[in-house]
Protein backbone atom coordinates (compact mmCIF):
# COMPACT_ATOMS: atom_id res chain seq x y z
CA MET A 1 -7.83 61.58 -56.20
CA PHE A 2 -4.04 61.39 -55.92
CA LYS A 3 -3.66 60.54 -59.62
CA LYS A 4 -5.82 63.54 -60.52
CA PHE A 5 -3.62 65.76 -58.34
CA ILE A 6 -0.45 64.46 -59.99
CA ARG A 7 -1.82 65.03 -63.51
CA ASN A 8 -2.93 68.60 -62.80
CA GLU A 9 -0.37 70.93 -64.41
CA ALA A 10 -2.07 74.29 -63.80
CA GLY A 11 0.20 75.12 -60.88
CA ALA A 12 3.30 74.19 -62.85
CA THR A 13 2.49 76.80 -65.48
CA ALA A 14 2.12 79.50 -62.85
CA ILE A 15 5.45 78.50 -61.30
CA GLU A 16 7.12 78.63 -64.72
CA TYR A 17 5.80 82.14 -65.33
CA GLY A 18 6.99 83.15 -61.88
CA LEU A 19 10.48 81.83 -62.60
CA ILE A 20 10.58 83.64 -65.92
CA ALA A 21 9.52 86.90 -64.26
CA ALA A 22 12.15 86.42 -61.53
CA GLY A 23 14.82 85.80 -64.16
CA ILE A 24 13.89 88.96 -66.04
CA ALA A 25 13.93 90.95 -62.79
CA VAL A 26 17.40 89.64 -61.93
CA ALA A 27 18.66 90.49 -65.42
CA ILE A 28 17.33 94.04 -65.15
CA ALA A 29 18.89 94.46 -61.72
CA VAL A 30 22.28 93.27 -63.00
CA VAL A 31 22.19 95.64 -65.97
CA VAL A 32 21.17 98.60 -63.81
CA PHE A 33 23.88 97.79 -61.26
CA ALA A 34 26.52 97.40 -63.96
CA LEU A 35 25.61 100.55 -65.90
CA GLY A 36 24.40 102.71 -63.02
CA SER A 37 27.70 104.32 -62.09
CA LYS A 38 28.66 104.83 -65.74
CA LEU A 39 25.37 106.57 -66.48
CA ASN A 40 25.71 108.69 -63.36
CA THR A 41 29.17 109.81 -64.47
CA LEU A 42 27.93 110.53 -67.99
CA PHE A 43 25.02 112.66 -66.79
CA SER A 44 27.26 114.48 -64.31
CA ASN A 45 29.68 115.34 -67.11
CA ILE A 46 26.83 116.56 -69.30
CA ASN A 47 25.49 118.64 -66.42
CA THR A 48 28.85 120.38 -65.92
CA LEU A 49 29.02 121.20 -69.65
CA LEU A 50 25.60 122.88 -69.69
CA PRO A 51 25.56 126.63 -68.97
C-alpha cells in the first residue's frame, strides 16, 4: 500500500499546476504594481487635455 502511495503522481501534477498559477498571479501583481502609478498619471494627463 505504501509503495502504491509513493508511485501515485496525480497529486504532484495538481501541485505543479497550482505553483504555475501562483507564479503567473505574482507576475501579474508585480507588473500592475510597477505600471499602476505610471498609467494613472498618463490617464490623468489625458483627462486634463480633454474638453
